[in-house]
Amino acid sequence: MPETEIGIIEHYFGKIGVAALRITGGQLCVGDTVHIQGHTTDLAIPIDSMQVEHESMDKVKKGDAVGIKVSQPVRVHDRVFKVTE
């Protein structure tokens, strides 16, 4: 499946399993699938919910910092790709 790079991981909160990512291009919506890739990370997950400053969001755009729930640890500087159909 084609992928478009949309962001980078800036922080990982291990106790709650949340990744903070910065959107560097395009937009991301609830329901999209992302692929997080790094030296030791290779994870594809659907976006069930997102938060910006503790507020739930349906859509985020370039420049936003957003928190997403992840199923396994990710690392700072991992690249985030939006999977397109």
PDB file of N, CA and C in Angstrom:
ATOM      1  N   MET A   1       0.836  -1.197   0.000  1.00  0.00           N
ATOM      2  CA  MET A   1       0.000   0.000   0.000  1.00  0.00           C
ATOM      3  C   MET A   1       0.873   1.251   0.000  1.00  0.00           C
ATOM      4  N   PRO A   2       0.456   2.262  -0.723  1.00  0.00           N
ATOM      5  CA  PRO A   2       1.234   3.503  -0.736  1.00  0.00           C
ATOM      6  C   PRO A   2       1.173   4.228   0.613  1.00  0.00           C
ATOM      7  N   GLU A   3       2.250   4.898   0.927  1.00  0.00           N
ATOM      8  CA  GLU A   3       2.340   5.644   2.186  1.00  0.00           C
ATOM      9  C   GLU A   3       2.873   7.037   1.922  1.00  0.00           C
ATOM     10  N   THR A   4       2.429   7.989   2.763  1.00  0.00           N
ATOM     11  CA  THR A   4       2.895   9.360   2.692  1.00  0.00           C
ATOM     12  C   THR A   4       3.403   9.759   4.066  1.00  0.00           C
ATOM     13  N   GLU A   5       4.640  10.291   4.137  1.00  0.00           N
ATOM     14  CA  GLU A   5       5.169  10.710   5.439  1.00  0.00           C
ATOM     15  C   GLU A   5       4.408  11.935   5.925  1.00  0.00           C
ATOM     16  N   ILE A   6       3.898  11.852   7.162  1.00  0.00           N
ATOM     17  CA  ILE A   6       3.126  12.970   7.706  1.00  0.00           C
ATOM     18  C   ILE A   6       3.662  13.501   9.029  1.00  0.00           C
ATOM     19  N   GLY A   7       4.607  12.790   9.664  1.00  0.00           N
ATOM     20  CA  GLY A   7       5.062  13.289  10.954  1.00  0.00           C
ATOM     21  C   GLY A   7       6.238  12.532  11.527  1.00  0.00           C
ATOM     22  N   ILE A   8       6.570  12.937  12.765  1.00  0.00           N
ATOM     23  CA  ILE A   8       7.694  12.345  13.487  1.00  0.00           C
ATOM     24  C   ILE A   8       7.326  12.243  14.968  1.00  0.00           C
ATOM     25  N   ILE A   9       7.767  11.162  15.599  1.00  0.00           N
ATOM     26  CA  ILE A   9       7.500  10.967  17.024  1.00  0.00           C
ATOM     27  C   ILE A   9       8.399  11.909  17.823  1.00  0.00           C
ATOM     28  N   GLU A  10       7.797  12.676  18.737  1.00  0.00           N
ATOM     29  CA  GLU A  10       8.564  13.597  19.585  1.00  0.00           C
ATOM     30  C   GLU A  10       8.718  13.083  21.008  1.00  0.00           C
ATOM     31  N   HIS A  11       7.803  12.209  21.451  1.00  0.00           N
ATOM     32  CA  HIS A  11       7.880  11.685  22.815  1.00  0.00           C
ATOM     33  C   HIS A  11       7.030  10.436  22.921  1.00  0.00           C
ATOM     34  N   TYR A  12       7.394   9.540  23.847  1.00  0.00           N
ATOM     35  CA  TYR A  12       6.597   8.346  24.109  1.00  0.00           C
ATOM     36  C   TYR A  12       6.347   8.247  25.607  1.00  0.00           C
ATOM     37  N   PHE A  13       5.082   8.126  25.979  1.00  0.00           N
ATOM     38  CA  PHE A  13       4.695   7.992  27.382  1.00  0.00           C
ATOM     39  C   PHE A  13       4.412   6.517  27.651  1.00  0.00           C
ATOM     40  N   GLY A  14       5.410   5.812  28.183  1.00  0.00           N
ATOM     41  CA  GLY A  14       5.347   4.367  28.340  1.00  0.00           C
ATOM     42  C   GLY A  14       4.261   3.861  29.267  1.00  0.00           C
ATOM     43  N   LYS A  15       4.036   4.545  30.387  1.00  0.00           N
ATOM     44  CA  LYS A  15       3.045   4.066  31.364  1.00  0.00           C
ATOM     45  C   LYS A  15       1.634   4.041  30.795  1.00  0.00           C
ATOM     46  N   ILE A  16       1.309   4.974  29.897  1.00  0.00           N
ATOM     47  CA  ILE A  16      -0.048   5.028  29.350  1.00  0.00           C
ATOM     48  C   ILE A  16      -0.101   4.612  27.878  1.00  0.00           C
ATOM     49  N   GLY A  17       1.049   4.283  27.278  1.00  0.00           N
ATOM     50  CA  GLY A  17       1.083   3.808  25.897  1.00  0.00           C
ATOM     51  C   GLY A  17       0.637   4.839  24.882  1.00  0.00           C
ATOM     52  N   VAL A  18       1.110   6.080  25.053  1.00  0.00           N
ATOM     53  CA  VAL A  18       0.726   7.164  24.145  1.00  0.00           C
ATOM     54  C   VAL A  18       1.976   7.751  23.492  1.00  0.00           C
ATOM     55  N   ALA A  19       1.879   7.973  22.178  1.00  0.00           N
ATOM     56  CA  ALA A  19       2.957   8.604  21.428  1.00  0.00           C
ATOM     57  C   ALA A  19       2.554  10.033  21.105  1.00  0.00           C
ATOM     58  N   ALA A  20       3.489  10.968  21.318  1.00  0.00           N
ATOM     59  CA  ALA A  20       3.276  12.368  20.927  1.00  0.00           C
ATOM     60  C   ALA A  20       3.982  12.551  19.595  1.00  0.00           C
ATOM     61  N   LEU A  21       3.227  12.978  18.595  1.00  0.00           N
ATOM     62  CA  LEU A  21       3.846  13.180  17.289  1.00  0.00           C
ATOM     63  C   LEU A  21       3.544  14.567  16.766  1.00  0.00           C
ATOM     64  N   ARG A  22       4.488  15.078  15.961  1.00  0.00           N
ATOM     65  CA  ARG A  22       4.359  16.380  15.310  1.00  0.00           C
ATOM     66  C   ARG A  22       4.000  16.118  13.855  1.00  0.00           C
ATOM     67  N   ILE A  23       2.903  16.726  13.397  1.00  0.00           N
ATOM     68  CA  ILE A  23       2.495  16.593  12.006  1.00  0.00           C
ATOM     69  C   ILE A  23       3.369  17.537  11.172  1.00  0.00           C
ATOM     70  N   THR A  24       4.147  16.971  10.243  1.00  0.00           N
ATOM     71  CA  THR A  24       5.064  17.774   9.432  1.00  0.00           C
ATOM     72  C   THR A  24       4.562  17.971   8.007  1.00  0.00           C
ATOM     73  N   GLY A  25       3.486  17.300   7.656  1.00  0.00           N
ATOM     74  CA  GLY A  25       2.927  17.469   6.322  1.00  0.00           C
ATOM     75  C   GLY A  25       1.586  16.780   6.194  1.00  0.00           C
ATOM     76  N   GLY A  26       0.685  17.374   5.462  1.00  0.00           N
ATOM     77  CA  GLY A  26      -0.628  16.769   5.253  1.00  0.00           C
ATOM     78  C   GLY A  26      -1.523  16.894   6.461  1.00  0.00           C
ATOM     79  N   GLN A  27      -2.490  15.977   6.549  1.00  0.00           N
ATOM     80  CA  GLN A  27      -3.397  15.967   7.696  1.00  0.00           C
ATOM     81  C   GLN A  27      -3.675  14.531   8.095  1.00  0.00           C
ATOM     82  N   LEU A  28      -4.190  14.351   9.300  1.00  0.00           N
ATOM     83  CA  LEU A  28      -4.493  13.039   9.850  1.00  0.00           C
ATOM     84  C   LEU A  28      -5.872  13.093  10.475  1.00  0.00           C
ATOM     85  N   CYS A  29      -6.690  12.091  10.182  1.00  0.00           N
ATOM     86  CA  CYS A  29      -8.063  12.043  10.690  1.00  0.00           C
ATOM     87  C   CYS A  29      -8.293  10.752  11.468  1.00  0.00           C
ATOM     88  N   VAL A  30      -9.242  10.778  12.402  1.00  0.00           N
ATOM     89  CA  VAL A  30      -9.659   9.558  13.087  1.00  0.00           C
ATOM     90  C   VAL A  30     -10.172   8.599  12.014  1.00  0.00           C
ATOM     91  N   GLY A  31      -9.750   7.341  12.092  1.00  0.00           N
ATOM     92  CA  GLY A  31     -10.120   6.348  11.096  1.00  0.00           C
ATOM     93  C   GLY A  31      -9.001   6.043  10.112  1.00  0.00           C
ATOM     94  N   ASP A  32      -8.015   6.960   9.998  1.00  0.00           N
ATOM     95  CA  ASP A  32      -6.853   6.713   9.140  1.00  0.00           C
ATOM     96  C   ASP A  32      -5.970   5.637   9.774  1.00  0.00           C
ATOM     97  N   THR A  33      -5.146   5.014   8.953  1.00  0.00           N
ATOM     98  CA  THR A  33      -4.157   4.059   9.441  1.00  0.00           C
ATOM     99  C   THR A  33      -2.776   4.685   9.285  1.00  0.00           C
ATOM    100  N   VAL A  34      -1.951   4.557  10.328  1.00  0.00           N
ATOM    101  CA  VAL A  34      -0.580   5.069  10.258  1.00  0.00           C
ATOM    102  C   VAL A  34       0.415   3.923  10.393  1.00  0.00           C
ATOM    103  N   HIS A  35       1.577   4.115   9.796  1.00  0.00           N
ATOM    104  CA  HIS A  35       2.678   3.171   9.881  1.00  0.00           C
ATOM    105  C   HIS A  35       3.840   3.919  10.536  1.00  0.00           C
ATOM    106  N   ILE A  36       4.254   3.467  11.713  1.00  0.00           N
ATOM    107  CA  ILE A  36       5.355   4.099  12.444  1.00  0.00           C
ATOM    108  C   ILE A  36       6.587   3.236  12.226  1.00  0.00           C
ATOM    109  N   GLN A  37       7.658   3.881  11.737  1.00  0.00           N
ATOM    110  CA  GLN A  37       8.844   3.138  11.365  1.00  0.00           C
ATOM    111  C   GLN A  37      10.094   3.814  11.908  1.00  0.00           C
ATOM    112  N   GLY A  38      10.991   2.999  12.445  1.00  0.00           N
ATOM    113  CA  GLY A  38      12.264   3.492  12.956  1.00  0.00           C
ATOM    114  C   GLY A  38      13.284   2.369  12.947  1.00  0.00           C
ATOM    115  N   HIS A  39      14.412   2.563  13.645  1.00  0.00           N
ATOM    116  CA  HIS A  39      15.474   1.554  13.672  1.00  0.00           C
ATOM    117  C   HIS A  39      14.970   0.219  14.208  1.00  0.00           C
ATOM    118  N   THR A  40      14.161   0.262  15.266  1.00  0.00           N
ATOM    119  CA  THR A  40      13.641  -0.968  15.867  1.00  0.00           C
ATOM    120  C   THR A  40      12.121  -0.973  15.921  1.00  0.00           C
ATOM    121  N   THR A  41      11.475  -0.029  15.256  1.00  0.00           N
ATOM    122  CA  THR A  41      10.018   0.092  15.287  1.00  0.00           C
ATOM    123  C   THR A  41       9.449  -0.181  13.901  1.00  0.00           C
ATOM    124  N   ASP A  42       8.395  -0.970  13.857  1.00  0.00           N
ATOM    125  CA  ASP A  42       7.656  -1.213  12.613  1.00  0.00           C
ATOM    126  C   ASP A  42       6.239  -1.574  13.024  1.00  0.00           C
ATOM    127  N   LEU A  43       5.369  -0.566  13.071  1.00  0.00           N
ATOM    128  CA  LEU A  43       4.048  -0.714  13.649  1.00  0.00           C
ATOM    129  C   LEU A  43       3.004  -0.023  12.779  1.00  0.00           C
ATOM    130  N   ALA A  44       1.955  -0.754  12.410  1.00  0.00           N
ATOM    131  CA  ALA A  44       0.838  -0.169  11.664  1.00  0.00           C
ATOM    132  C   ALA A  44      -0.399  -0.230  12.559  1.00  0.00           C
ATOM    133  N   ILE A  45      -1.032   0.928  12.794  1.00  0.00           N
ATOM    134  CA  ILE A  45      -2.203   0.977  13.666  1.00  0.00           C
ATOM    135  C   ILE A  45      -3.268   1.917  13.100  1.00  0.00           C
ATOM    136  N   PRO A  46      -4.537   1.588  13.358  1.00  0.00           N
ATOM    137  CA  PRO A  46      -5.600   2.536  12.998  1.00  0.00           C
ATOM    138  C   PRO A  46      -5.695   3.617  14.071  1.00  0.00           C
ATOM    139  N   ILE A  47      -6.078   4.822  13.682  1.00  0.00           N
ATOM    140  CA  ILE A  47      -6.242   5.917  14.631  1.00  0.00           C
ATOM    141  C   ILE A  47      -7.691   5.885  15.137  1.00  0.00           C
ATOM    142  N   ASP A  48      -7.847   5.478  16.411  1.00  0.00           N
ATOM    143  CA  ASP A  48      -9.180   5.425  17.026  1.00  0.00           C
ATOM    144  C   ASP A  48      -9.544   6.749  17.677  1.00  0.00           C
ATOM    145  N   SER A  49      -8.525   7.445  18.197  1.00  0.00           N
ATOM    146  CA  SER A  49      -8.754   8.745  18.827  1.00  0.00           C
ATOM    147  C   SER A  49      -7.439   9.509  18.862  1.00  0.00           C
ATOM    148  N   MET A  50      -7.556  10.847  18.926  1.00  0.00           N
ATOM    149  CA  MET A  50      -6.383  11.723  18.999  1.00  0.00           C
ATOM    150  C   MET A  50      -6.701  12.835  19.985  1.00  0.00           C
ATOM    151  N   GLN A  51      -5.661  13.363  20.621  1.00  0.00           N
ATOM    152  CA  GLN A  51      -5.848  14.494  21.517  1.00  0.00           C
ATOM    153  C   GLN A  51      -4.788  15.557  21.255  1.00  0.00           C
ATOM    154  N   VAL A  52      -5.235  16.814  21.310  1.00  0.00           N
ATOM    155  CA  VAL A  52      -4.348  17.966  21.253  1.00  0.00           C
ATOM    156  C   VAL A  52      -4.634  18.773  22.511  1.00  0.00           C
ATOM    157  N   GLU A  53      -3.616  18.924  23.364  1.00  0.00           N
ATOM    158  CA  GLU A  53      -3.787  19.657  24.631  1.00  0.00           C
ATOM    159  C   GLU A  53      -4.981  19.131  25.427  1.00  0.00           C
ATOM    160  N   HIS A  54      -5.097  17.799  25.546  1.00  0.00           N
ATOM    161  CA  HIS A  54      -6.149  17.117  26.325  1.00  0.00           C
ATOM    162  C   HIS A  54      -7.547  17.293  25.743  1.00  0.00           C
ATOM    163  N   GLU A  55      -7.659  17.765  24.504  1.00  0.00           N
ATOM    164  CA  GLU A  55      -8.951  17.918  23.818  1.00  0.00           C
ATOM    165  C   GLU A  55      -9.011  16.891  22.690  1.00  0.00           C
ATOM    166  N   SER A  56     -10.079  16.110  22.640  1.00  0.00           N
ATOM    167  CA  SER A  56     -10.246  15.145  21.555  1.00  0.00           C
ATOM    168  C   SER A  56     -10.436  15.869  20.232  1.00  0.00           C
ATOM    169  N   MET A  57      -9.786  15.346  19.190  1.00  0.00           N
ATOM    170  CA  MET A  57      -9.845  15.944  17.864  1.00  0.00           C
ATOM    171  C   MET A  57     -10.213  14.868  16.843  1.00  0.00           C
ATOM    172  N   ASP A  58     -10.921  15.275  15.779  1.00  0.00           N
ATOM    173  CA  ASP A  58     -11.237  14.365  14.682  1.00  0.00           C
ATOM    174  C   ASP A  58     -10.234  14.502  13.546  1.00  0.00           C
ATOM    175  N   LYS A  59      -9.592  15.681  13.447  1.00  0.00           N
ATOM    176  CA  LYS A  59      -8.661  15.949  12.348  1.00  0.00           C
ATOM    177  C   LYS A  59      -7.568  16.888  12.848  1.00  0.00           C
ATOM    178  N   VAL A  60      -6.327  16.617  12.429  1.00  0.00           N
ATOM    179  CA  VAL A  60      -5.200  17.509  12.739  1.00  0.00           C
ATOM    180  C   VAL A  60      -4.462  17.799  11.441  1.00  0.00           C
ATOM    181  N   LYS A  61      -3.726  18.915  11.428  1.00  0.00           N
ATOM    182  CA  LYS A  61      -3.038  19.337  10.214  1.00  0.00           C
ATOM    183  C   LYS A  61      -1.568  19.632  10.511  1.00  0.00           C
ATOM    184  N   LYS A  62      -0.843  19.997   9.462  1.00  0.00           N
ATOM    185  CA  LYS A  62       0.581  20.312   9.573  1.00  0.00           C
ATOM    186  C   LYS A  62       0.825  21.334  10.680  1.00  0.00           C
ATOM    187  N   GLY A  63       1.828  21.048  11.517  1.00  0.00           N
ATOM    188  CA  GLY A  63       2.199  21.941  12.602  1.00  0.00           C
ATOM    189  C   GLY A  63       1.613  21.544  13.947  1.00  0.00           C
ATOM    190  N   ASP A  64       0.570  20.707  13.957  1.00  0.00           N
ATOM    191  CA  ASP A  64      -0.059  20.296  15.217  1.00  0.00           C
ATOM    192  C   ASP A  64       0.779  19.234  15.917  1.00  0.00           C
ATOM    193  N   ALA A  65       0.756  19.255  17.246  1.00  0.00           N
ATOM    194  CA  ALA A  65       1.343  18.201  18.069  1.00  0.00           C
ATOM    195  C   ALA A  65       0.175  17.419  18.640  1.00  0.00           C
ATOM    196  N   VAL A  66       0.158  16.118  18.408  1.00  0.00           N
ATOM    197  CA  VAL A  66      -1.001  15.300  18.749  1.00  0.00           C
ATOM    198  C   VAL A  66      -0.557  14.044  19.500  1.00  0.00           C
ATOM    199  N   GLY A  67      -1.407  13.578  20.387  1.00  0.00           N
ATOM    200  CA  GLY A  67      -1.164  12.338  21.118  1.00  0.00           C
ATOM    201  C   GLY A  67      -2.057  11.241  20.566  1.00  0.00           C
ATOM    202  N   ILE A  68      -1.455  10.056  20.309  1.00  0.00           N
ATOM    203  CA  ILE A  68      -2.222   8.906  19.845  1.00  0.00           C
ATOM    204  C   ILE A  68      -1.868   7.680  20.684  1.00  0.00           C
ATOM    205  N   LYS A  69      -2.821   6.808  20.881  1.00  0.00           N
ATOM    206  CA  LYS A  69      -2.607   5.568  21.613  1.00  0.00           C
ATOM    207  C   LYS A  69      -1.896   4.582  20.692  1.00  0.00           C
ATOM    208  N   VAL A  70      -0.851   3.914  21.211  1.00  0.00           N
ATOM    209  CA  VAL A  70      -0.117   2.920  20.428  1.00  0.00           C
ATOM    210  C   VAL A  70      -0.088   1.591  21.178  1.00  0.00           C
ATOM    211  N   SER A  71       0.021   0.503  20.429  1.00  0.00           N
ATOM    212  CA  SER A  71      -0.053  -0.829  21.014  1.00  0.00           C
ATOM    213  C   SER A  71       1.295  -1.376  21.468  1.00  0.00           C
ATOM    214  N   GLN A  72       2.378  -0.717  21.080  1.00  0.00           N
ATOM    215  CA  GLN A  72       3.711  -1.129  21.523  1.00  0.00           C
ATOM    216  C   GLN A  72       4.613   0.103  21.565  1.00  0.00           C
ATOM    217  N   PRO A  73       5.735  -0.004  22.271  1.00  0.00           N
ATOM    218  CA  PRO A  73       6.611   1.174  22.406  1.00  0.00           C
ATOM    219  C   PRO A  73       7.116   1.699  21.067  1.00  0.00           C
ATOM    220  N   VAL A  74       7.211   3.020  20.976  1.00  0.00           N
ATOM    221  CA  VAL A  74       7.822   3.695  19.835  1.00  0.00           C
ATOM    222  C   VAL A  74       8.935   4.585  20.381  1.00  0.00           C
ATOM    223  N   ARG A  75       9.748   5.115  19.497  1.00  0.00           N
ATOM    224  CA  ARG A  75      10.897   5.887  19.947  1.00  0.00           C
ATOM    225  C   ARG A  75      10.912   7.285  19.318  1.00  0.00           C
ATOM    226  N   VAL A  76      11.534   8.205  20.031  1.00  0.00           N
ATOM    227  CA  VAL A  76      11.699   9.564  19.516  1.00  0.00           C
ATOM    228  C   VAL A  76      12.420   9.478  18.173  1.00  0.00           C
ATOM    229  N   HIS A  77      11.991  10.287  17.226  1.00  0.00           N
ATOM    230  CA  HIS A  77      12.529  10.375  15.863  1.00  0.00           C
ATOM    231  C   HIS A  77      12.045   9.267  14.931  1.00  0.00           C
ATOM    232  N   ASP A  78      11.179   8.345  15.416  1.00  0.00           N
ATOM    233  CA  ASP A  78      10.561   7.394  14.488  1.00  0.00           C
ATOM    234  C   ASP A  78       9.714   8.200  13.510  1.00  0.00           C
ATOM    235  N   ARG A  79       9.657   7.770  12.270  1.00  0.00           N
ATOM    236  CA  ARG A  79       8.889   8.464  11.240  1.00  0.00           C
ATOM    237  C   ARG A  79       7.478   7.898  11.162  1.00  0.00           C
ATOM    238  N   VAL A  80       6.522   8.764  10.911  1.00  0.00           N
ATOM    239  CA  VAL A  80       5.111   8.374  10.861  1.00  0.00           C
ATOM    240  C   VAL A  80       4.590   8.574   9.441  1.00  0.00           C
ATOM    241  N   PHE A  81       4.011   7.516   8.891  1.00  0.00           N
ATOM    242  CA  PHE A  81       3.471   7.542   7.541  1.00  0.00           C
ATOM    243  C   PHE A  81       1.978   7.286   7.575  1.00  0.00           C
ATOM    244  N   LYS A  82       1.233   7.983   6.732  1.00  0.00           N
ATOM    245  CA  LYS A  82      -0.205   7.741   6.569  1.00  0.00           C
ATOM    246  C   LYS A  82      -0.361   6.720   5.435  1.00  0.00           C
ATOM    247  N   VAL A  83      -1.067   5.628   5.731  1.00  0.00           N
ATOM    248  CA  VAL A  83      -1.307   4.602   4.726  1.00  0.00           C
ATOM    249  C   VAL A  83      -2.491   5.045   3.881  1.00  0.00           C
ATOM    250  N   THR A  84      -2.285   5.107   2.561  1.00  0.00           N
ATOM    251  CA  THR A  84      -3.361   5.529   1.656  1.00  0.00           C
ATOM    252  C   THR A  84      -3.831   4.321   0.857  1.00  0.00           C
ATOM    253  N   GLU A  85      -5.098   4.272   0.602  1.00  0.00           N
ATOM    254  CA  GLU A  85      -5.712   3.133  -0.110  1.00  0.00           C
ATOM    255  C   GLU A  85      -5.376   3.173  -1.573  1.00  0.00           C
TER     256      GLU A  85
END
